[in-house]
Amino acid sequence: MGDWAGRTAAETAAAVRAKEVTPREVVAECLARIERLDGRIGAFRKVRAEAVLAEADAVAARTDLAQLPLAGVPVAVKDNLAVRGESHRDGSAATPDTPAAEDHPTVARLRAAGAVVVGLTNVPELCVFGTTEGVFGTTRNPWDTSRTAGGSSGGSAAAVAAGLVPVALGNDGMGSLRIPAANCGLVTLKPGLGVVPAGIGNGDWFGMAENGPLATTVEDLRLVLGVLAGGADGPPAQEASPRRIAVALRSPLVGVGVSRPYTTAVREAAGALARAGHQVRRAEPPYPLSLGVTALRHWTAGTAVDAAGLDRARLARRTRVHADLGRRFVRSVRTSDSRERLRARLTPFFTEHDVLLTPALARRSPAAGPWHERGWLRNVLANTAYSPFTPPWNLTGWPAMSVPFGALPSGAPCAVQLAGRPGTEAVLLELAEELEKLRPWRRTAPVAGL
């Protein structure tokens, strides 16, 4: 066998367990692909070229190789999570370049399952915005390198979409997994509260941020999510049964419009699920008019907490403004019951419907460029205009996922979002798997011209 770069995690692990290929051979092919392509994409802040080969050899020597669910699988890790022996810079010149003494619990679980960490991926400074650029470079969408990959897990998404690694680890505080996944044609799930260890920054953005995988297939997503959640196989597959699916096309944020490719994707996905036997109907969730203000207060306050103690002079201006605004809200966010009221408002909707189907984004991602050098308001407006659908599910702490479906006029992927009440991760994965079978997507971006 050959051509291991671009294979799925499940295929790779099965071949390594069967000793059809060695972890070193798989990693070497991934490193060669990274060297060839990443100069145009900018997915990685640090590639662990020597260390990962040694770690691949260590996996091959493990006595439990035949039982490892991720045996020899190369993974990329978002650069706000600790990888032993490496610094995590969080996209900022203001953070210390100090090697971590221990792995983050999610990284430790991936390694225990046999995965090897190829490198750390680029993020916007302090993972604040939905585009990925800064002092460590600009991350571009492998499907359309004129556009940003999204953020804040933009480097992780670009690495998977370009076939540099089969899966990657990211996290999501206001959509930071789902936004780049939707841009880059990947499937991802932001788990609900407590499913996967968090420990992101200084308090997980008041408990809104969750770690999760980015993958090219639902099978890989389920596999890695299971490892991260402490099991081997992910949430148990649900017995196929008709689900009550609400379809919503309006933006949760007042004044934000939704472009035709994304509404078309939702309508077509709804039609496919209806033909498959599900009960599908139009129903808009009762989002409060104050949702945008609530989201902004939590978003900026989370940044203020993460920026505390850092050298302000070394932060980008947009980050400083975001943190300065957020400092006014930290105390009130900590004591507010706004999130509990939002959950109470939405709970009756999810007693009538099992799952909510929406656009993943409102429009295609902004052009790639030096957004970190642009003004704060311009960044906030650009982010809000293209990603209004993700924040509600961070505020509630409920699971939500992005699933590729259809294409934009440029040929880049389009996507839909599935959201559910607490504990419905397996239901969301079941529906995503149905959509994958009904409308298969191309797993990785074409490399012509890269």
Protein backbone atom coordinates (compact mmCIF):
# COMPACT_ATOMS: atom_id res chain seq x y z
CA MET A 1 0.00 0.00 0.00
CA GLY A 2 0.99 3.64 -0.41
CA ASP A 3 -0.42 7.14 -0.60
CA TRP A 4 -1.33 7.26 3.08
CA ALA A 5 -1.63 11.01 3.15
CA GLY A 6 -5.30 11.64 2.46
CA ARG A 7 -6.59 8.35 3.89
CA THR A 8 -9.15 8.39 6.70
CA ALA A 9 -8.17 7.87 10.31
CA ALA A 10 -10.19 4.65 10.44
CA GLU A 11 -8.43 3.24 7.36
CA THR A 12 -5.03 4.24 8.65
CA ALA A 13 -5.51 2.78 12.13
CA ALA A 14 -6.86 -0.49 10.73
CA ALA A 15 -3.85 -0.87 8.42
CA VAL A 16 -1.38 -0.08 11.21
CA ARG A 17 -3.05 -2.57 13.56
CA ALA A 18 -2.85 -5.20 10.81
CA LYS A 19 0.82 -4.26 10.22
CA GLU A 20 0.16 -3.46 6.58
CA VAL A 21 1.99 -0.17 7.11
CA THR A 22 4.09 1.27 9.92
CA PRO A 23 3.29 4.47 11.80
CA ARG A 24 6.59 5.91 10.58
CA GLU A 25 5.64 5.31 6.94
CA VAL A 26 2.28 7.02 7.44
CA VAL A 27 3.82 10.00 9.24
CA ALA A 28 6.60 10.37 6.66
CA GLU A 29 4.02 10.71 3.88
CA CYS A 30 2.09 13.32 5.87
CA LEU A 31 5.27 15.30 6.52
CA ALA A 32 6.14 15.24 2.83
CA ARG A 33 2.67 16.52 1.94
CA ILE A 34 2.91 19.26 4.55
CA GLU A 35 6.27 20.36 3.16
CA ARG A 36 4.83 20.45 -0.34
CA LEU A 37 1.52 22.21 0.34
CA ASP A 38 1.50 24.15 3.59
CA GLY A 39 3.45 27.09 2.29
CA ARG A 40 0.32 28.12 0.39
CA ILE A 41 -2.19 27.12 3.06
CA GLY A 42 -0.59 28.18 6.34
CA ALA A 43 -2.21 25.52 8.49
CA PHE A 44 0.69 24.91 10.89
CA ARG A 45 2.46 27.17 13.35
CA LYS A 46 4.87 24.35 14.29
CA VAL A 47 5.54 21.03 12.56
CA ARG A 48 7.14 18.46 14.89
CA ALA A 49 9.07 16.73 12.11
CA GLU A 50 11.69 14.92 14.21
CA ALA A 51 9.66 14.34 17.37
CA VAL A 52 6.68 12.86 15.56
CA LEU A 53 8.80 10.24 13.78
CA ALA A 54 10.24 9.12 17.12
CA GLU A 55 6.73 9.00 18.57
CA ALA A 56 5.54 6.97 15.57
CA ASP A 57 8.26 4.41 16.26
CA ALA A 58 7.19 4.29 19.90
CA VAL A 59 3.62 3.51 18.85
CA ALA A 60 4.84 0.72 16.58
CA ALA A 61 6.67 -0.83 19.54
CA ARG A 62 3.64 -0.80 21.84
CA THR A 63 2.52 -4.22 23.02
CA ASP A 64 -1.14 -3.15 22.77
CA LEU A 65 -0.86 -1.97 19.15
CA ALA A 66 -3.61 -4.32 17.97
CA GLN A 67 -6.08 -2.73 20.39
CA LEU A 68 -5.36 0.96 19.70
CA PRO A 69 -8.33 2.75 18.08
CA LEU A 70 -6.07 5.44 16.58
CA ALA A 71 -2.96 3.32 15.98
CA GLY A 72 -0.41 5.44 14.12
CA VAL A 73 -2.93 8.11 13.09
CA PRO A 74 -1.30 11.53 12.53
CA VAL A 75 -3.22 14.34 14.23
CA ALA A 76 -2.84 18.11 14.39
CA VAL A 77 -3.56 20.05 17.58
CA LYS A 78 -4.89 23.59 17.83
CA ASP A 79 -2.27 25.95 19.22
CA ASN A 80 -4.19 26.83 22.38
CA LEU A 81 -3.86 23.32 23.85
CA ALA A 82 -0.80 21.98 25.61
CA VAL A 83 1.40 19.43 23.85
CA ARG A 84 4.18 18.13 26.05
CA GLY A 85 7.53 19.64 25.12
CA GLU A 86 6.03 22.33 22.89
CA SER A 87 4.92 25.88 23.57
CA HIS A 88 1.34 26.85 22.83
CA ARG A 89 1.30 30.44 21.64
CA ASP A 90 -2.45 30.97 21.17
CA GLY A 91 -1.69 32.98 18.04
CA SER A 92 -0.03 35.79 19.98
CA ALA A 93 3.35 37.46 20.37
CA ALA A 94 2.29 38.25 23.95
CA THR A 95 2.25 34.62 25.12
CA PRO A 96 5.38 32.92 26.48
CA ASP A 97 7.40 30.60 24.27
CA THR A 98 7.67 28.05 27.09
CA PRO A 99 7.40 24.28 26.48
CA ALA A 100 4.45 22.61 28.19
CA ALA A 101 5.34 20.12 30.91
CA GLU A 102 2.30 17.95 30.28
CA ASP A 103 -0.22 17.20 27.55
CA HIS A 104 -3.69 18.67 27.75
CA PRO A 105 -6.09 15.84 28.76
CA THR A 106 -7.51 15.65 25.23
CA VAL A 107 -4.03 15.35 23.72
CA ALA A 108 -3.14 12.72 26.31
CA ARG A 109 -6.22 10.70 25.35
CA LEU A 110 -5.36 10.88 21.65
CA ARG A 111 -1.82 9.68 22.36
CA ALA A 112 -3.03 6.90 24.66
CA ALA A 113 -5.21 5.71 21.76
CA GLY A 114 -2.16 5.52 19.46
CA ALA A 115 -2.31 8.87 17.67
CA VAL A 116 0.86 10.88 17.01
CA VAL A 117 0.94 14.69 17.07
CA VAL A 118 2.34 16.07 13.81
CA GLY A 119 2.17 19.71 14.81
CA LEU A 120 0.36 22.70 16.26
CA THR A 121 -2.02 24.64 14.04
CA ASN A 122 -2.50 28.34 13.51
CA VAL A 123 -5.18 30.35 15.30
CA PRO A 124 -6.14 34.03 15.46
CA GLU A 125 -4.77 35.82 18.52
CA LEU A 126 -6.32 34.36 21.71
CA CYS A 127 -8.74 32.48 19.42
CA VAL A 128 -11.07 35.47 19.36
CA PHE A 129 -12.17 35.81 15.75
CA GLY A 130 -13.67 33.73 12.94
CA THR A 131 -10.71 34.28 10.61
CA THR A 132 -7.21 32.91 11.19
CA GLU A 133 -4.25 35.23 10.72
CA GLY A 134 -1.69 37.04 12.84
CA VAL A 135 1.98 37.09 13.77
CA PHE A 136 2.39 33.42 12.77
CA GLY A 137 0.86 33.79 9.32
CA THR A 138 -2.45 33.59 7.46
CA THR A 139 -4.43 30.38 7.12
CA ARG A 140 -6.27 29.96 3.82
CA ASN A 141 -9.10 27.71 2.74
CA PRO A 142 -7.61 24.84 0.69
CA TRP A 143 -10.73 24.88 -1.52
CA ASP A 144 -10.30 28.57 -2.35
CA THR A 145 -7.02 30.09 -1.18
CA SER A 146 -8.32 33.61 -1.75
CA ARG A 147 -10.62 33.11 1.26
CA THR A 148 -9.90 32.57 4.94
CA ALA A 149 -10.24 29.07 6.33
CA GLY A 150 -12.30 30.56 9.15
CA GLY A 151 -11.54 30.51 12.82
CA SER A 152 -10.57 30.12 15.37
CA SER A 153 -9.71 26.46 14.63
CA GLY A 154 -8.76 27.57 11.12
CA GLY A 155 -5.35 25.92 10.99
CA SER A 156 -6.74 22.60 12.18
CA ALA A 157 -9.53 22.70 9.60
CA ALA A 158 -7.20 23.67 6.76
CA ALA A 159 -4.79 20.86 7.68
CA VAL A 160 -7.54 18.25 7.44
CA ALA A 161 -9.20 19.71 4.34
CA ALA A 162 -5.88 19.68 2.48
CA GLY A 163 -5.20 16.07 3.47
CA LEU A 164 -2.16 17.03 5.53
CA VAL A 165 -3.56 14.98 8.42
CA PRO A 166 -6.71 12.84 8.55
CA VAL A 167 -8.12 14.44 11.72
CA ALA A 168 -7.35 17.39 13.96
CA LEU A 169 -8.21 18.70 17.40
CA GLY A 170 -9.84 22.10 17.85
CA ASN A 171 -12.27 23.86 20.12
CA ASP A 172 -15.39 25.98 19.91
CA GLY A 173 -16.31 28.98 22.07
CA MET A 174 -18.59 30.87 19.65
CA GLY A 175 -18.41 28.57 16.63
CA SER A 176 -14.67 28.04 16.36
CA LEU A 177 -15.00 24.42 15.22
CA ARG A 178 -18.16 24.76 13.13
CA ILE A 179 -17.15 27.93 11.26
CA PRO A 180 -13.90 26.59 9.73
CA ALA A 181 -15.45 23.15 9.21
CA ALA A 182 -18.26 24.73 7.18
CA ASN A 183 -15.76 26.76 5.14
CA CYS A 184 -13.45 23.81 4.49
CA GLY A 185 -15.94 21.01 3.79
CA LEU A 186 -15.40 19.09 7.04
CA VAL A 187 -17.68 17.49 9.56
CA THR A 188 -17.36 18.46 13.21
CA LEU A 189 -19.32 18.38 16.44
CA LYS A 190 -19.19 20.80 19.33
CA PRO A 191 -20.13 18.47 22.16
CA GLY A 192 -22.40 19.46 24.98
CA LEU A 193 -21.12 20.45 28.38
CA GLY A 194 -19.03 17.79 30.12
CA VAL A 195 -18.78 15.26 27.26
CA VAL A 196 -15.12 16.01 26.46
CA PRO A 197 -12.59 17.58 28.87
CA ALA A 198 -12.44 21.33 28.30
CA GLY A 199 -9.71 23.28 30.13
CA ILE A 200 -9.37 25.94 27.42
CA GLY A 201 -7.74 29.21 28.44
CA ASN A 202 -8.70 30.70 31.78
CA GLY A 203 -12.13 29.21 32.39
CA ASP A 204 -13.38 27.97 29.01
CA TRP A 205 -14.96 31.35 28.24
CA PHE A 206 -17.28 30.95 31.22
CA GLY A 207 -17.97 27.35 30.31
CA MET A 208 -18.98 28.05 26.70
CA ALA A 209 -15.90 26.53 25.01
CA GLU A 210 -15.61 22.81 24.21
CA ASN A 211 -12.92 20.69 22.57
CA GLY A 212 -13.75 18.49 19.60
CA PRO A 213 -12.43 16.87 16.42
CA LEU A 214 -12.46 17.94 12.78
CA ALA A 215 -12.77 15.11 10.25
CA THR A 216 -13.63 14.29 6.66
CA THR A 217 -16.11 11.49 7.46
CA VAL A 218 -18.69 10.86 10.15
CA GLU A 219 -16.95 7.55 10.86
CA ASP A 220 -13.72 9.38 11.72
CA LEU A 221 -15.59 12.01 13.71
CA ARG A 222 -17.35 9.36 15.78
CA LEU A 223 -14.06 7.47 16.29
CA VAL A 224 -12.07 10.46 17.53
CA LEU A 225 -14.94 11.89 19.57
CA GLY A 226 -15.17 8.55 21.37
CA VAL A 227 -11.49 8.69 22.28
CA LEU A 228 -11.79 12.28 23.49
CA ALA A 229 -14.83 11.40 25.57
CA GLY A 230 -12.95 8.57 27.26
CA GLY A 231 -14.33 5.61 25.29
CA ALA A 232 -13.25 3.75 22.19
CA ASP A 233 -16.10 4.06 19.72
CA GLY A 234 -17.80 7.40 20.30
CA PRO A 235 -21.40 7.96 21.31
CA PRO A 236 -23.41 4.78 20.75
CA ALA A 237 -25.04 4.59 17.35
CA GLN A 238 -28.76 5.18 17.59
CA GLU A 239 -31.25 2.72 16.14
CA ALA A 240 -32.54 4.34 12.97
CA SER A 241 -35.91 5.91 13.66
CA PRO A 242 -37.83 8.92 12.38
CA ARG A 243 -36.74 12.16 14.01
CA ARG A 244 -38.75 15.35 14.41
CA ILE A 245 -36.63 17.92 12.62
CA ALA A 246 -37.28 21.65 12.72
CA VAL A 247 -35.96 23.67 9.79
CA ALA A 248 -35.04 27.31 10.42
CA LEU A 249 -33.67 29.73 7.85
CA ARG A 250 -33.74 33.06 9.68
CA SER A 251 -30.65 34.37 11.41
CA PRO A 252 -30.71 34.26 15.22
CA LEU A 253 -29.21 37.77 15.19
CA VAL A 254 -31.49 40.62 14.17
CA GLY A 255 -30.49 42.35 10.95
CA VAL A 256 -28.21 39.64 9.58
CA GLY A 257 -29.31 38.23 6.23
CA VAL A 258 -28.63 34.74 4.88
CA SER A 259 -27.33 34.20 1.34
CA ARG A 260 -29.07 31.93 -1.12
CA PRO A 261 -26.49 29.08 -1.26
CA TYR A 262 -26.92 28.46 2.48
CA THR A 263 -30.73 28.61 2.46
CA THR A 264 -30.73 26.32 -0.59
CA ALA A 265 -28.48 23.83 1.21
CA VAL A 266 -30.87 23.71 4.16
CA ARG A 267 -33.94 23.25 1.97
CA GLU A 268 -32.26 20.44 0.02
CA ALA A 269 -31.01 18.75 3.18
CA ALA A 270 -34.49 19.00 4.69
CA GLY A 271 -35.98 17.45 1.56
CA ALA A 272 -33.51 14.59 1.64
CA LEU A 273 -34.24 13.86 5.30
CA ALA A 274 -37.99 14.04 4.70
CA ARG A 275 -37.73 11.53 1.87
CA ALA A 276 -35.74 9.31 4.23
CA GLY A 277 -38.73 9.18 6.56
CA HIS A 278 -38.11 11.94 9.08
CA GLN A 279 -40.79 14.38 10.21
CA VAL A 280 -39.52 17.67 8.85
CA ARG A 281 -41.23 21.05 9.17
CA ARG A 282 -40.41 24.75 9.19
CA ALA A 283 -40.14 26.13 12.70
CA GLU A 284 -38.08 29.09 13.91
CA PRO A 285 -36.68 28.87 17.46
CA PRO A 286 -37.84 31.66 19.80
CA TYR A 287 -34.49 33.45 19.96
CA PRO A 288 -34.68 36.54 22.19
CA LEU A 289 -34.03 39.95 20.64
CA SER A 290 -31.26 40.38 23.21
CA LEU A 291 -29.28 37.38 21.91
CA GLY A 292 -26.74 39.51 20.06
CA VAL A 293 -26.00 41.63 23.11
CA THR A 294 -25.69 38.55 25.32
CA ALA A 295 -23.30 36.93 22.85
CA LEU A 296 -21.15 40.07 22.56
CA ARG A 297 -20.88 40.47 26.34
CA HIS A 298 -19.77 36.85 26.82
CA TRP A 299 -17.45 36.92 23.80
CA THR A 300 -15.59 40.04 24.91
CA ALA A 301 -15.55 39.11 28.61
CA GLY A 302 -14.00 35.73 27.79
CA THR A 303 -11.25 37.51 25.89
CA ALA A 304 -10.68 39.92 28.78
CA VAL A 305 -10.08 37.01 31.14
CA ASP A 306 -7.67 35.30 28.71
CA ALA A 307 -5.77 38.55 28.08
CA ALA A 308 -5.26 39.32 31.78
CA GLY A 309 -1.55 39.29 32.62
CA LEU A 310 -0.36 39.52 29.01
CA ASP A 311 1.71 42.44 27.73
CA ARG A 312 -0.87 44.75 26.12
CA ALA A 313 1.77 46.31 23.90
CA ARG A 314 2.30 42.95 22.20
CA LEU A 315 -1.38 42.31 21.50
CA ALA A 316 -2.96 43.29 18.18
CA ARG A 317 -5.16 46.36 18.37
CA ARG A 318 -8.37 44.43 17.64
CA THR A 319 -7.59 42.10 20.56
CA ARG A 320 -6.87 44.98 22.92
CA VAL A 321 -10.15 46.68 22.08
CA HIS A 322 -12.07 43.41 22.44
CA ALA A 323 -10.51 42.74 25.84
CA ASP A 324 -10.95 46.34 27.03
CA LEU A 325 -14.66 46.20 26.22
CA GLY A 326 -14.98 42.80 27.84
CA ARG A 327 -13.46 43.93 31.13
CA ARG A 328 -16.59 46.00 31.71
CA PHE A 329 -18.70 42.84 31.51
CA VAL A 330 -16.67 40.20 33.34
CA ARG A 331 -18.38 40.62 36.69
CA SER A 332 -21.90 40.83 35.28
CA VAL A 333 -21.32 37.83 32.97
CA ARG A 334 -20.16 35.76 35.93
CA THR A 335 -23.31 36.56 37.92
CA SER A 336 -25.85 36.84 35.10
CA ASP A 337 -28.66 34.34 34.57
CA SER A 338 -28.95 35.22 30.86
CA ARG A 339 -27.75 31.81 29.73
CA GLU A 340 -30.16 30.00 32.04
CA ARG A 341 -32.99 32.17 30.69
CA LEU A 342 -31.96 31.34 27.12
CA ARG A 343 -32.00 27.61 27.91
CA ALA A 344 -35.42 27.95 29.53
CA ARG A 345 -36.72 29.84 26.50
CA LEU A 346 -35.47 27.22 24.02
CA THR A 347 -36.30 24.05 26.00
CA PRO A 348 -40.00 23.91 24.99
CA PHE A 349 -38.96 24.14 21.34
CA PHE A 350 -36.80 21.04 21.77
CA THR A 351 -39.60 19.12 23.45
CA GLU A 352 -41.53 19.48 20.18
CA HIS A 353 -38.50 18.82 17.94
CA ASP A 354 -35.59 16.42 18.31
CA VAL A 355 -33.16 18.36 16.15
CA LEU A 356 -32.85 21.82 14.62
CA LEU A 357 -31.53 22.15 11.05
CA THR A 358 -30.12 25.56 10.04
CA PRO A 359 -27.53 27.01 7.71
CA ALA A 360 -24.05 26.58 9.12
CA LEU A 361 -23.07 30.07 7.95
CA ALA A 362 -24.89 33.05 6.48
CA ARG A 363 -22.46 33.64 3.61
CA ARG A 364 -19.05 32.60 2.35
CA SER A 365 -16.03 33.44 4.45
CA PRO A 366 -14.20 36.76 4.14
CA ALA A 367 -11.20 37.13 1.88
CA ALA A 368 -7.94 35.97 3.42
CA GLY A 369 -5.81 38.88 4.52
CA PRO A 370 -4.36 40.84 7.43
CA TRP A 371 -7.54 41.05 9.49
CA HIS A 372 -5.39 41.36 12.61
CA GLU A 373 -4.21 44.73 11.33
CA ARG A 374 -7.73 46.02 10.70
CA GLY A 375 -10.04 47.80 13.10
CA TRP A 376 -12.02 46.06 15.83
CA LEU A 377 -15.45 47.08 14.53
CA ARG A 378 -14.64 45.94 11.00
CA ASN A 379 -13.63 42.53 12.39
CA VAL A 380 -16.73 42.20 14.56
CA LEU A 381 -19.09 43.17 11.74
CA ALA A 382 -17.42 40.76 9.30
CA ASN A 383 -17.63 37.91 11.82
CA THR A 384 -21.25 38.62 12.73
CA ALA A 385 -22.34 38.94 9.11
CA TYR A 386 -21.10 35.51 8.13
CA SER A 387 -21.51 33.46 11.28
CA PRO A 388 -24.71 34.28 13.22
CA PHE A 389 -25.91 30.67 13.61
CA THR A 390 -23.21 29.25 15.89
CA PRO A 391 -23.20 31.32 19.14
CA PRO A 392 -26.59 30.24 20.58
CA TRP A 393 -25.34 26.70 21.17
CA ASN A 394 -22.26 27.88 23.07
CA LEU A 395 -24.47 30.05 25.26
CA THR A 396 -26.79 27.13 26.00
CA GLY A 397 -23.97 24.56 26.23
CA TRP A 398 -25.91 22.19 23.95
CA PRO A 399 -24.41 20.06 21.15
CA ALA A 400 -24.23 21.34 17.59
CA MET A 401 -22.42 20.22 14.48
CA SER A 402 -21.53 21.33 10.97
CA VAL A 403 -22.11 18.95 8.06
CA PRO A 404 -20.96 19.54 4.45
CA PHE A 405 -23.89 19.83 2.06
CA GLY A 406 -23.85 21.30 -1.43
CA ALA A 407 -21.46 23.86 -2.87
CA LEU A 408 -21.02 27.60 -3.23
CA PRO A 409 -20.91 29.21 -6.69
CA SER A 410 -17.10 29.21 -6.40
CA GLY A 411 -17.12 25.42 -6.03
CA ALA A 412 -16.06 25.60 -2.38
CA PRO A 413 -18.17 23.56 0.05
CA CYS A 414 -21.41 24.71 1.61
CA ALA A 415 -22.73 23.31 4.91
CA VAL A 416 -25.68 22.94 7.26
CA GLN A 417 -25.83 22.93 11.04
CA LEU A 418 -27.58 20.40 13.27
CA ALA A 419 -28.31 21.30 16.91
CA GLY A 420 -30.02 19.42 19.70
CA ARG A 421 -30.80 19.43 23.39
CA PRO A 422 -28.32 18.06 25.97
CA GLY A 423 -27.26 14.45 25.44
CA THR A 424 -28.21 14.22 21.76
CA GLU A 425 -24.70 13.93 20.31
CA ALA A 426 -25.49 10.41 19.05
CA VAL A 427 -28.70 11.61 17.37
CA LEU A 428 -26.84 14.40 15.58
CA LEU A 429 -24.18 11.96 14.41
CA GLU A 430 -26.87 9.59 13.15
CA LEU A 431 -28.46 12.34 11.04
CA ALA A 432 -25.07 13.53 9.79
CA GLU A 433 -24.31 9.99 8.70
CA GLU A 434 -27.60 9.88 6.80
CA LEU A 435 -26.78 13.13 5.04
CA GLU A 436 -23.34 11.78 4.18
CA LYS A 437 -24.93 8.74 2.53
CA LEU A 438 -27.66 10.74 0.79
CA ARG A 439 -25.31 13.44 -0.52
CA PRO A 440 -21.68 12.26 -0.30
CA TRP A 441 -19.11 15.01 -0.15
CA ARG A 442 -15.59 15.15 -1.52
CA ARG A 443 -13.35 14.57 1.51
CA THR A 444 -10.35 16.73 0.68
CA ALA A 445 -9.74 19.76 -1.48
CA PRO A 446 -8.25 19.29 -4.95
CA VAL A 447 -4.54 20.05 -4.86
CA ALA A 448 -4.22 21.41 -8.40
CA GLY A 449 -2.46 24.73 -8.24
CA LEU A 450 -1.28 24.22 -4.67
